[in-house]
Amino acid sequence: MPFLRRLGYYLGGVALGLIILAFFFRKKSTEFCYSPNCRVLKNIRSKQITYPNSDTLVIHSILKNGDVVFSKSDTKSKPCKTYVIEGKSEEKLIELKVKNCDSTAVVQEVNYLD
């Protein structure tokens, strides 16, 4: 069998496999979190979250799409770590201060930055 024909079969099989994988992962809504930012946000979202008296939809949106500012965060404290998360909502920059414990996460502060 010539090389080009084998290469064509190989590439056809790889393409078919990628299509099947994309179908299964889209159905399962699988999320790949390899960056530290993504892992922290996913960890916080997986716990019971206590919100202050403010807009929970905005806080939920920032916990999904925000950026963790590790330079302002306290990641060394022992029972609960404190993370500062920044995000945009309706063109306003919002900063959350979240205390991340073993089984719960508490949103301590919501600051609207200009």
C-alpha atoms as a PDB file:
ATOM      1  CA  MET A   1       0.000   0.000   0.000  1.00  0.00           C
ATOM      2  CA  PRO A   2       1.492   3.368  -0.943  1.00  0.00           C
ATOM      3  CA  PHE A   3       2.487   5.849   1.730  1.00  0.00           C
ATOM      4  CA  LEU A   4      -0.029   8.523   0.697  1.00  0.00           C
ATOM      5  CA  ARG A   5      -2.923   6.068   0.989  1.00  0.00           C
ATOM      6  CA  ARG A   6      -1.822   5.002   4.489  1.00  0.00           C
ATOM      7  CA  LEU A   7      -1.433   8.644   5.474  1.00  0.00           C
ATOM      8  CA  GLY A   8      -4.946   9.363   4.189  1.00  0.00           C
ATOM      9  CA  TYR A   9      -6.431   6.486   6.242  1.00  0.00           C
ATOM     10  CA  TYR A  10      -4.529   7.652   9.314  1.00  0.00           C
ATOM     11  CA  LEU A  11      -5.669  11.272   8.997  1.00  0.00           C
ATOM     12  CA  GLY A  12      -9.243  10.154   8.311  1.00  0.00           C
ATOM     13  CA  GLY A  13      -9.225   8.056  11.482  1.00  0.00           C
ATOM     14  CA  VAL A  14      -7.784  10.879  13.561  1.00  0.00           C
ATOM     15  CA  ALA A  15     -10.420  13.297  12.235  1.00  0.00           C
ATOM     16  CA  LEU A  16     -13.228  10.833  12.981  1.00  0.00           C
ATOM     17  CA  GLY A  17     -11.870  10.268  16.497  1.00  0.00           C
ATOM     18  CA  LEU A  18     -11.691  14.002  17.192  1.00  0.00           C
ATOM     19  CA  ILE A  19     -15.280  14.471  16.056  1.00  0.00           C
ATOM     20  CA  ILE A  20     -16.461  11.662  18.346  1.00  0.00           C
ATOM     21  CA  LEU A  21     -14.482  13.064  21.305  1.00  0.00           C
ATOM     22  CA  ALA A  22     -15.863  16.562  20.710  1.00  0.00           C
ATOM     23  CA  PHE A  23     -19.394  15.144  20.707  1.00  0.00           C
ATOM     24  CA  PHE A  24     -18.933  13.310  24.020  1.00  0.00           C
ATOM     25  CA  PHE A  25     -17.138  16.153  25.802  1.00  0.00           C
ATOM     26  CA  ARG A  26     -19.732  18.710  24.705  1.00  0.00           C
ATOM     27  CA  LYS A  27     -22.504  16.492  26.036  1.00  0.00           C
ATOM     28  CA  LYS A  28     -20.782  15.991  29.406  1.00  0.00           C
ATOM     29  CA  SER A  29     -19.832  19.683  29.689  1.00  0.00           C
ATOM     30  CA  THR A  30     -16.331  18.674  30.747  1.00  0.00           C
ATOM     31  CA  GLU A  31     -14.008  21.479  31.802  1.00  0.00           C
ATOM     32  CA  PHE A  32     -10.234  21.210  31.621  1.00  0.00           C
ATOM     33  CA  CYS A  33      -8.653  23.283  34.385  1.00  0.00           C
ATOM     34  CA  TYR A  34      -4.890  23.185  34.192  1.00  0.00           C
ATOM     35  CA  SER A  35      -4.009  26.782  35.043  1.00  0.00           C
ATOM     36  CA  PRO A  36      -3.890  27.890  38.694  1.00  0.00           C
ATOM     37  CA  ASN A  37      -6.525  30.560  37.990  1.00  0.00           C
ATOM     38  CA  CYS A  38      -8.994  28.014  36.607  1.00  0.00           C
ATOM     39  CA  ARG A  39      -8.360  25.484  39.390  1.00  0.00           C
ATOM     40  CA  VAL A  40      -8.981  28.048  42.151  1.00  0.00           C
ATOM     41  CA  LEU A  41     -12.217  29.292  40.557  1.00  0.00           C
ATOM     42  CA  LYS A  42     -13.475  25.737  39.979  1.00  0.00           C
ATOM     43  CA  ASN A  43     -12.623  24.806  43.578  1.00  0.00           C
ATOM     44  CA  ILE A  44     -14.569  27.791  44.920  1.00  0.00           C
ATOM     45  CA  ARG A  45     -17.577  27.110  42.668  1.00  0.00           C
ATOM     46  CA  SER A  46     -17.734  23.468  43.786  1.00  0.00           C
ATOM     47  CA  LYS A  47     -18.409  24.433  47.418  1.00  0.00           C
ATOM     48  CA  GLN A  48     -21.354  25.960  49.214  1.00  0.00           C
ATOM     49  CA  ILE A  49     -20.938  29.717  48.720  1.00  0.00           C
ATOM     50  CA  THR A  50     -22.153  32.305  51.208  1.00  0.00           C
ATOM     51  CA  TYR A  51     -22.856  35.701  49.646  1.00  0.00           C
ATOM     52  CA  PRO A  52     -23.169  39.105  51.298  1.00  0.00           C
ATOM     53  CA  ASN A  53     -26.277  41.196  50.696  1.00  0.00           C
ATOM     54  CA  SER A  54     -25.509  42.030  47.074  1.00  0.00           C
ATOM     55  CA  ASP A  55     -26.242  40.852  43.557  1.00  0.00           C
ATOM     56  CA  THR A  56     -25.584  37.104  43.471  1.00  0.00           C
ATOM     57  CA  LEU A  57     -25.761  36.905  39.666  1.00  0.00           C
ATOM     58  CA  VAL A  58     -22.846  39.315  39.348  1.00  0.00           C
ATOM     59  CA  ILE A  59     -20.832  37.388  41.935  1.00  0.00           C
ATOM     60  CA  HIS A  60     -21.584  34.071  40.233  1.00  0.00           C
ATOM     61  CA  SER A  61     -20.519  35.521  36.873  1.00  0.00           C
ATOM     62  CA  ILE A  62     -17.214  36.754  38.302  1.00  0.00           C
ATOM     63  CA  LEU A  63     -16.579  33.404  39.995  1.00  0.00           C
ATOM     64  CA  LYS A  64     -17.016  31.773  36.584  1.00  0.00           C
ATOM     65  CA  ASN A  65     -15.121  34.225  34.344  1.00  0.00           C
ATOM     66  CA  GLY A  66     -12.946  36.271  36.690  1.00  0.00           C
ATOM     67  CA  ASP A  67      -9.205  36.401  37.228  1.00  0.00           C
ATOM     68  CA  VAL A  68      -7.548  35.518  40.532  1.00  0.00           C
ATOM     69  CA  VAL A  69      -5.020  38.150  41.607  1.00  0.00           C
ATOM     70  CA  PHE A  70      -2.459  36.002  43.396  1.00  0.00           C
ATOM     71  CA  SER A  71      -0.303  38.993  44.371  1.00  0.00           C
ATOM     72  CA  LYS A  72      -3.162  40.351  46.535  1.00  0.00           C
ATOM     73  CA  SER A  73      -4.311  36.921  47.769  1.00  0.00           C
ATOM     74  CA  ASP A  74      -3.285  35.143  50.967  1.00  0.00           C
ATOM     75  CA  THR A  75      -2.625  31.590  49.807  1.00  0.00           C
ATOM     76  CA  LYS A  76      -0.462  30.562  52.778  1.00  0.00           C
ATOM     77  CA  SER A  77      -2.987  30.843  55.638  1.00  0.00           C
ATOM     78  CA  LYS A  78      -3.878  27.476  57.109  1.00  0.00           C
ATOM     79  CA  PRO A  79      -7.530  26.756  57.762  1.00  0.00           C
ATOM     80  CA  CYS A  80      -8.884  29.018  55.018  1.00  0.00           C
ATOM     81  CA  LYS A  81      -7.139  30.736  52.137  1.00  0.00           C
ATOM     82  CA  THR A  82      -8.230  34.180  50.998  1.00  0.00           C
ATOM     83  CA  TYR A  83      -8.352  34.974  47.284  1.00  0.00           C
ATOM     84  CA  VAL A  84      -8.913  38.274  45.504  1.00  0.00           C
ATOM     85  CA  ILE A  85     -10.836  37.824  42.254  1.00  0.00           C
ATOM     86  CA  GLU A  86     -11.343  40.578  39.691  1.00  0.00           C
ATOM     87  CA  GLY A  87     -13.890  40.593  36.901  1.00  0.00           C
ATOM     88  CA  LYS A  88     -16.124  42.798  34.782  1.00  0.00           C
ATOM     89  CA  SER A  89     -19.871  43.093  34.948  1.00  0.00           C
ATOM     90  CA  GLU A  90     -21.767  45.648  32.883  1.00  0.00           C
ATOM     91  CA  GLU A  91     -18.496  47.463  32.098  1.00  0.00           C
ATOM     92  CA  LYS A  92     -17.687  47.889  35.803  1.00  0.00           C
ATOM     93  CA  LEU A  93     -14.584  46.339  37.306  1.00  0.00           C
ATOM     94  CA  ILE A  94     -15.500  44.394  40.427  1.00  0.00           C
ATOM     95  CA  GLU A  95     -13.164  42.899  43.000  1.00  0.00           C
ATOM     96  CA  LEU A  96     -14.246  40.037  45.258  1.00  0.00           C
ATOM     97  CA  LYS A  97     -12.488  38.894  48.400  1.00  0.00           C
ATOM     98  CA  VAL A  98     -13.316  35.227  48.946  1.00  0.00           C
ATOM     99  CA  LYS A  99     -12.383  33.125  51.968  1.00  0.00           C
ATOM    100  CA  ASN A 100     -11.977  29.558  50.688  1.00  0.00           C
ATOM    101  CA  CYS A 101     -12.285  26.910  53.426  1.00  0.00           C
ATOM    102  CA  ASP A 102     -12.484  23.112  53.174  1.00  0.00           C
ATOM    103  CA  SER A 103     -16.236  22.784  52.680  1.00  0.00           C
ATOM    104  CA  THR A 104     -17.463  26.375  52.248  1.00  0.00           C
ATOM    105  CA  ALA A 105     -16.513  29.582  50.500  1.00  0.00           C
ATOM    106  CA  VAL A 106     -17.482  32.970  51.904  1.00  0.00           C
ATOM    107  CA  VAL A 107     -17.540  36.120  49.792  1.00  0.00           C
ATOM    108  CA  GLN A 108     -16.282  38.641  52.341  1.00  0.00           C
ATOM    109  CA  GLU A 109     -16.108  41.845  50.302  1.00  0.00           C
ATOM    110  CA  VAL A 110     -17.455  43.140  47.007  1.00  0.00           C
ATOM    111  CA  ASN A 111     -15.642  46.282  45.820  1.00  0.00           C
ATOM    112  CA  TYR A 112     -16.651  48.235  42.718  1.00  0.00           C
ATOM    113  CA  LEU A 113     -13.498  49.711  41.162  1.00  0.00           C
ATOM    114  CA  ASP A 114     -13.526  52.621  38.745  1.00  0.00           C
END
